[in-house]
Amino acid sequence: MPGPTELLILLVIFALVFGTKKLRGMGGDLGSAIKSFKSALKDDDKQDESNKGNDESEK
């Protein structure tokens, strides 16, 4: 597991290679992707619960 010094060096290298604007954009894209993934999981759980209730009422 890299320590804080190694992480700082990697961050500086990424900033030099990609540039700060591109890193900021990639971070925003990653955040929105995670947010939509979590909301899709919640929606799927709600569907499973509603389907479970319908299955039990049919019996």
PDB file of N, CA and C in Angstrom:
ATOM      1  N   MET A   1       0.849  -1.175   0.000  1.00  0.00           N
ATOM      2  CA  MET A   1       0.000   0.000   0.000  1.00  0.00           C
ATOM      3  C   MET A   1       0.891   1.233   0.000  1.00  0.00           C
ATOM      4  N   PRO A   2       0.702   2.108  -0.998  1.00  0.00           N
ATOM      5  CA  PRO A   2       1.556   3.295  -1.061  1.00  0.00           C
ATOM      6  C   PRO A   2       1.226   4.273   0.056  1.00  0.00           C
ATOM      7  N   GLY A   3       2.260   4.916   0.534  1.00  0.00           N
ATOM      8  CA  GLY A   3       2.098   5.908   1.588  1.00  0.00           C
ATOM      9  C   GLY A   3       1.702   7.251   1.016  1.00  0.00           C
ATOM     10  N   PRO A   4       1.548   8.245   1.875  1.00  0.00           N
ATOM     11  CA  PRO A   4       1.117   9.575   1.416  1.00  0.00           C
ATOM     12  C   PRO A   4       2.121  10.245   0.470  1.00  0.00           C
ATOM     13  N   THR A   5       3.387   9.996   0.674  1.00  0.00           N
ATOM     14  CA  THR A   5       4.397  10.605  -0.194  1.00  0.00           C
ATOM     15  C   THR A   5       4.289  10.058  -1.615  1.00  0.00           C
ATOM     16  N   GLU A   6       4.119   8.740  -1.732  1.00  0.00           N
ATOM     17  CA  GLU A   6       3.984   8.142  -3.050  1.00  0.00           C
ATOM     18  C   GLU A   6       2.712   8.609  -3.751  1.00  0.00           C
ATOM     19  N   LEU A   7       1.623   8.745  -2.991  1.00  0.00           N
ATOM     20  CA  LEU A   7       0.373   9.221  -3.578  1.00  0.00           C
ATOM     21  C   LEU A   7       0.509  10.660  -4.074  1.00  0.00           C
ATOM     22  N   LEU A   8       1.214  11.479  -3.339  1.00  0.00           N
ATOM     23  CA  LEU A   8       1.442  12.865  -3.751  1.00  0.00           C
ATOM     24  C   LEU A   8       2.270  12.918  -5.032  1.00  0.00           C
ATOM     25  N   ILE A   9       3.290  12.092  -5.118  1.00  0.00           N
ATOM     26  CA  ILE A   9       4.121  12.043  -6.328  1.00  0.00           C
ATOM     27  C   ILE A   9       3.284  11.591  -7.522  1.00  0.00           C
ATOM     28  N   LEU A  10       2.438  10.577  -7.332  1.00  0.00           N
ATOM     29  CA  LEU A  10       1.568  10.115  -8.420  1.00  0.00           C
ATOM     30  C   LEU A  10       0.591  11.204  -8.854  1.00  0.00           C
ATOM     31  N   LEU A  11       0.053  11.949  -7.908  1.00  0.00           N
ATOM     32  CA  LEU A  11      -0.875  13.030  -8.226  1.00  0.00           C
ATOM     33  C   LEU A  11      -0.181  14.105  -9.060  1.00  0.00           C
ATOM     34  N   VAL A  12       1.043  14.455  -8.710  1.00  0.00           N
ATOM     35  CA  VAL A  12       1.797  15.451  -9.476  1.00  0.00           C
ATOM     36  C   VAL A  12       2.074  14.942 -10.884  1.00  0.00           C
ATOM     37  N   ILE A  13       2.440  13.677 -11.017  1.00  0.00           N
ATOM     38  CA  ILE A  13       2.703  13.106 -12.340  1.00  0.00           C
ATOM     39  C   ILE A  13       1.440  13.110 -13.188  1.00  0.00           C
ATOM     40  N   PHE A  14       0.296  12.713 -12.602  1.00  0.00           N
ATOM     41  CA  PHE A  14      -0.964  12.734 -13.344  1.00  0.00           C
ATOM     42  C   PHE A  14      -1.314  14.154 -13.773  1.00  0.00           C
ATOM     43  N   ALA A  15      -1.095  15.130 -12.892  1.00  0.00           N
ATOM     44  CA  ALA A  15      -1.393  16.518 -13.231  1.00  0.00           C
ATOM     45  C   ALA A  15      -0.512  16.996 -14.381  1.00  0.00           C
ATOM     46  N   LEU A  16       0.737  16.584 -14.402  1.00  0.00           N
ATOM     47  CA  LEU A  16       1.628  16.980 -15.487  1.00  0.00           C
ATOM     48  C   LEU A  16       1.251  16.312 -16.801  1.00  0.00           C
ATOM     49  N   VAL A  17       0.866  15.051 -16.745  1.00  0.00           N
ATOM     50  CA  VAL A  17       0.555  14.311 -17.963  1.00  0.00           C
ATOM     51  C   VAL A  17      -0.791  14.736 -18.543  1.00  0.00           C
ATOM     52  N   PHE A  18      -1.828  14.783 -17.718  1.00  0.00           N
ATOM     53  CA  PHE A  18      -3.173  15.040 -18.213  1.00  0.00           C
ATOM     54  C   PHE A  18      -3.577  16.503 -18.153  1.00  0.00           C
ATOM     55  N   GLY A  19      -3.000  17.273 -17.266  1.00  0.00           N
ATOM     56  CA  GLY A  19      -3.429  18.649 -17.072  1.00  0.00           C
ATOM     57  C   GLY A  19      -4.559  18.709 -16.064  1.00  0.00           C
ATOM     58  N   THR A  20      -4.642  19.828 -15.360  1.00  0.00           N
ATOM     59  CA  THR A  20      -5.624  19.929 -14.275  1.00  0.00           C
ATOM     60  C   THR A  20      -7.056  19.989 -14.801  1.00  0.00           C
ATOM     61  N   LYS A  21      -7.282  20.631 -15.953  1.00  0.00           N
ATOM     62  CA  LYS A  21      -8.647  20.726 -16.477  1.00  0.00           C
ATOM     63  C   LYS A  21      -9.180  19.352 -16.866  1.00  0.00           C
ATOM     64  N   LYS A  22      -8.342  18.563 -17.492  1.00  0.00           N
ATOM     65  CA  LYS A  22      -8.786  17.226 -17.912  1.00  0.00           C
ATOM     66  C   LYS A  22      -9.011  16.339 -16.688  1.00  0.00           C
ATOM     67  N   LEU A  23      -8.149  16.446 -15.670  1.00  0.00           N
ATOM     68  CA  LEU A  23      -8.344  15.661 -14.444  1.00  0.00           C
ATOM     69  C   LEU A  23      -9.640  16.059 -13.746  1.00  0.00           C
ATOM     70  N   ARG A  24      -9.929  17.359 -13.731  1.00  0.00           N
ATOM     71  CA  ARG A  24     -11.163  17.830 -13.101  1.00  0.00           C
ATOM     72  C   ARG A  24     -12.370  17.276 -13.852  1.00  0.00           C
ATOM     73  N   GLY A  25     -12.298  17.277 -15.167  1.00  0.00           N
ATOM     74  CA  GLY A  25     -13.399  16.733 -15.976  1.00  0.00           C
ATOM     75  C   GLY A  25     -13.574  15.243 -15.775  1.00  0.00           C
ATOM     76  N   MET A  26     -12.457  14.523 -15.705  1.00  0.00           N
ATOM     77  CA  MET A  26     -12.542  13.070 -15.485  1.00  0.00           C
ATOM     78  C   MET A  26     -13.106  12.777 -14.099  1.00  0.00           C
ATOM     79  N   GLY A  27     -12.754  13.582 -13.112  1.00  0.00           N
ATOM     80  CA  GLY A  27     -13.298  13.394 -11.767  1.00  0.00           C
ATOM     81  C   GLY A  27     -14.798  13.636 -11.728  1.00  0.00           C
ATOM     82  N   GLY A  28     -15.237  14.659 -12.436  1.00  0.00           N
ATOM     83  CA  GLY A  28     -16.677  14.938 -12.502  1.00  0.00           C
ATOM     84  C   GLY A  28     -17.433  13.833 -13.205  1.00  0.00           C
ATOM     85  N   ASP A  29     -16.861  13.327 -14.291  1.00  0.00           N
ATOM     86  CA  ASP A  29     -17.494  12.219 -15.014  1.00  0.00           C
ATOM     87  C   ASP A  29     -17.584  10.970 -14.148  1.00  0.00           C
ATOM     88  N   LEU A  30     -16.513  10.702 -13.419  1.00  0.00           N
ATOM     89  CA  LEU A  30     -16.507   9.535 -12.538  1.00  0.00           C
ATOM     90  C   LEU A  30     -17.544   9.691 -11.427  1.00  0.00           C
ATOM     91  N   GLY A  31     -17.650  10.879 -10.866  1.00  0.00           N
ATOM     92  CA  GLY A  31     -18.640  11.124  -9.816  1.00  0.00           C
ATOM     93  C   GLY A  31     -20.062  10.948 -10.311  1.00  0.00           C
ATOM     94  N   SER A  32     -20.361  11.463 -11.504  1.00  0.00           N
ATOM     95  CA  SER A  32     -21.716  11.314 -12.035  1.00  0.00           C
ATOM     96  C   SER A  32     -22.021   9.859 -12.397  1.00  0.00           C
ATOM     97  N   ALA A  33     -21.003   9.129 -12.842  1.00  0.00           N
ATOM     98  CA  ALA A  33     -21.213   7.713 -13.147  1.00  0.00           C
ATOM     99  C   ALA A  33     -21.521   6.924 -11.880  1.00  0.00           C
ATOM    100  N   ILE A  34     -20.806   7.215 -10.805  1.00  0.00           N
ATOM    101  CA  ILE A  34     -21.056   6.528  -9.539  1.00  0.00           C
ATOM    102  C   ILE A  34     -22.445   6.875  -9.011  1.00  0.00           C
ATOM    103  N   LYS A  35     -22.829   8.149  -9.144  1.00  0.00           N
ATOM    104  CA  LYS A  35     -24.144   8.586  -8.668  1.00  0.00           C
ATOM    105  C   LYS A  35     -25.267   7.877  -9.424  1.00  0.00           C
ATOM    106  N   SER A  36     -25.140   7.776 -10.748  1.00  0.00           N
ATOM    107  CA  SER A  36     -26.188   7.103 -11.521  1.00  0.00           C
ATOM    108  C   SER A  36     -26.202   5.603 -11.246  1.00  0.00           C
ATOM    109  N   PHE A  37     -25.039   5.012 -10.992  1.00  0.00           N
ATOM    110  CA  PHE A  37     -24.982   3.595 -10.654  1.00  0.00           C
ATOM    111  C   PHE A  37     -25.695   3.325  -9.338  1.00  0.00           C
ATOM    112  N   LYS A  38     -25.458   4.169  -8.338  1.00  0.00           N
ATOM    113  CA  LYS A  38     -26.118   3.990  -7.045  1.00  0.00           C
ATOM    114  C   LYS A  38     -27.629   4.168  -7.163  1.00  0.00           C
ATOM    115  N   SER A  39     -28.068   5.159  -7.946  1.00  0.00           N
ATOM    116  CA  SER A  39     -29.513   5.358  -8.090  1.00  0.00           C
ATOM    117  C   SER A  39     -30.147   4.186  -8.843  1.00  0.00           C
ATOM    118  N   ALA A  40     -29.422   3.610  -9.799  1.00  0.00           N
ATOM    119  CA  ALA A  40     -29.953   2.444 -10.506  1.00  0.00           C
ATOM    120  C   ALA A  40     -30.078   1.252  -9.567  1.00  0.00           C
ATOM    121  N   LEU A  41     -29.127   1.090  -8.658  1.00  0.00           N
ATOM    122  CA  LEU A  41     -29.223   0.002  -7.681  1.00  0.00           C
ATOM    123  C   LEU A  41     -30.414   0.194  -6.760  1.00  0.00           C
ATOM    124  N   LYS A  42     -30.660   1.432  -6.329  1.00  0.00           N
ATOM    125  CA  LYS A  42     -31.806   1.699  -5.460  1.00  0.00           C
ATOM    126  C   LYS A  42     -33.115   1.436  -6.191  1.00  0.00           C
ATOM    127  N   ASP A  43     -33.198   1.856  -7.459  1.00  0.00           N
ATOM    128  CA  ASP A  43     -34.408   1.612  -8.244  1.00  0.00           C
ATOM    129  C   ASP A  43     -34.646   0.120  -8.438  1.00  0.00           C
ATOM    130  N   ASP A  44     -33.574  -0.623  -8.651  1.00  0.00           N
ATOM    131  CA  ASP A  44     -33.688  -2.067  -8.836  1.00  0.00           C
ATOM    132  C   ASP A  44     -34.180  -2.734  -7.556  1.00  0.00           C
ATOM    133  N   ASP A  45     -33.686  -2.270  -6.397  1.00  0.00           N
ATOM    134  CA  ASP A  45     -34.142  -2.817  -5.123  1.00  0.00           C
ATOM    135  C   ASP A  45     -35.623  -2.528  -4.909  1.00  0.00           C
ATOM    136  N   LYS A  46     -36.075  -1.334  -5.283  1.00  0.00           N
ATOM    137  CA  LYS A  46     -37.492  -0.993  -5.135  1.00  0.00           C
ATOM    138  C   LYS A  46     -38.348  -1.880  -6.029  1.00  0.00           C
ATOM    139  N   GLN A  47     -37.866  -2.154  -7.252  1.00  0.00           N
ATOM    140  CA  GLN A  47     -38.613  -3.029  -8.159  1.00  0.00           C
ATOM    141  C   GLN A  47     -38.694  -4.434  -7.605  1.00  0.00           C
ATOM    142  N   ASP A  48     -37.608  -4.928  -7.040  1.00  0.00           N
ATOM    143  CA  ASP A  48     -37.610  -6.269  -6.467  1.00  0.00           C
ATOM    144  C   ASP A  48     -38.603  -6.371  -5.323  1.00  0.00           C
ATOM    145  N   GLU A  49     -38.667  -5.328  -4.488  1.00  0.00           N
ATOM    146  CA  GLU A  49     -39.596  -5.350  -3.359  1.00  0.00           C
ATOM    147  C   GLU A  49     -41.036  -5.318  -3.853  1.00  0.00           C
ATOM    148  N   SER A  50     -41.315  -4.512  -4.878  1.00  0.00           N
ATOM    149  CA  SER A  50     -42.688  -4.443  -5.381  1.00  0.00           C
ATOM    150  C   SER A  50     -43.072  -5.742  -6.083  1.00  0.00           C
ATOM    151  N   ASN A  51     -42.143  -6.361  -6.786  1.00  0.00           N
ATOM    152  CA  ASN A  51     -42.423  -7.645  -7.428  1.00  0.00           C
ATOM    153  C   ASN A  51     -42.618  -8.742  -6.389  1.00  0.00           C
ATOM    154  N   LYS A  52     -41.884  -8.665  -5.307  1.00  0.00           N
ATOM    155  CA  LYS A  52     -42.013  -9.653  -4.243  1.00  0.00           C
ATOM    156  C   LYS A  52     -43.416  -9.568  -3.635  1.00  0.00           C
ATOM    157  N   GLY A  53     -43.889  -8.352  -3.432  1.00  0.00           N
ATOM    158  CA  GLY A  53     -45.238  -8.161  -2.872  1.00  0.00           C
ATOM    159  C   GLY A  53     -46.305  -8.672  -3.809  1.00  0.00           C
ATOM    160  N   ASN A  54     -46.133  -8.486  -5.100  1.00  0.00           N
ATOM    161  CA  ASN A  54     -47.114  -8.981  -6.078  1.00  0.00           C
ATOM    162  C   ASN A  54     -47.109 -10.496  -6.133  1.00  0.00           C
ATOM    163  N   ASP A  55     -45.962 -11.107  -6.032  1.00  0.00           N
ATOM    164  CA  ASP A  55     -45.866 -12.568  -6.062  1.00  0.00           C
ATOM    165  C   ASP A  55     -46.573 -13.184  -4.855  1.00  0.00           C
ATOM    166  N   GLU A  56     -46.421 -12.572  -3.693  1.00  0.00           N
ATOM    167  CA  GLU A  56     -47.042 -13.111  -2.488  1.00  0.00           C
ATOM    168  C   GLU A  56     -48.546 -12.929  -2.504  1.00  0.00           C
ATOM    169  N   SER A  57     -49.053 -11.860  -3.098  1.00  0.00           N
ATOM    170  CA  SER A  57     -50.493 -11.635  -3.147  1.00  0.00           C
ATOM    171  C   SER A  57     -51.189 -12.571  -4.137  1.00  0.00           C
ATOM    172  N   GLU A  58     -50.454 -13.076  -5.117  1.00  0.00           N
ATOM    173  CA  GLU A  58     -51.027 -13.995  -6.097  1.00  0.00           C
ATOM    174  C   GLU A  58     -51.217 -15.389  -5.545  1.00  0.00           C
ATOM    175  N   LYS A  59     -50.525 -15.737  -4.487  1.00  0.00           N
ATOM    176  CA  LYS A  59     -50.591 -17.104  -3.930  1.00  0.00           C
ATOM    177  C   LYS A  59     -51.873 -17.358  -3.207  1.00  0.00           C
TER     178      LYS A  59
END
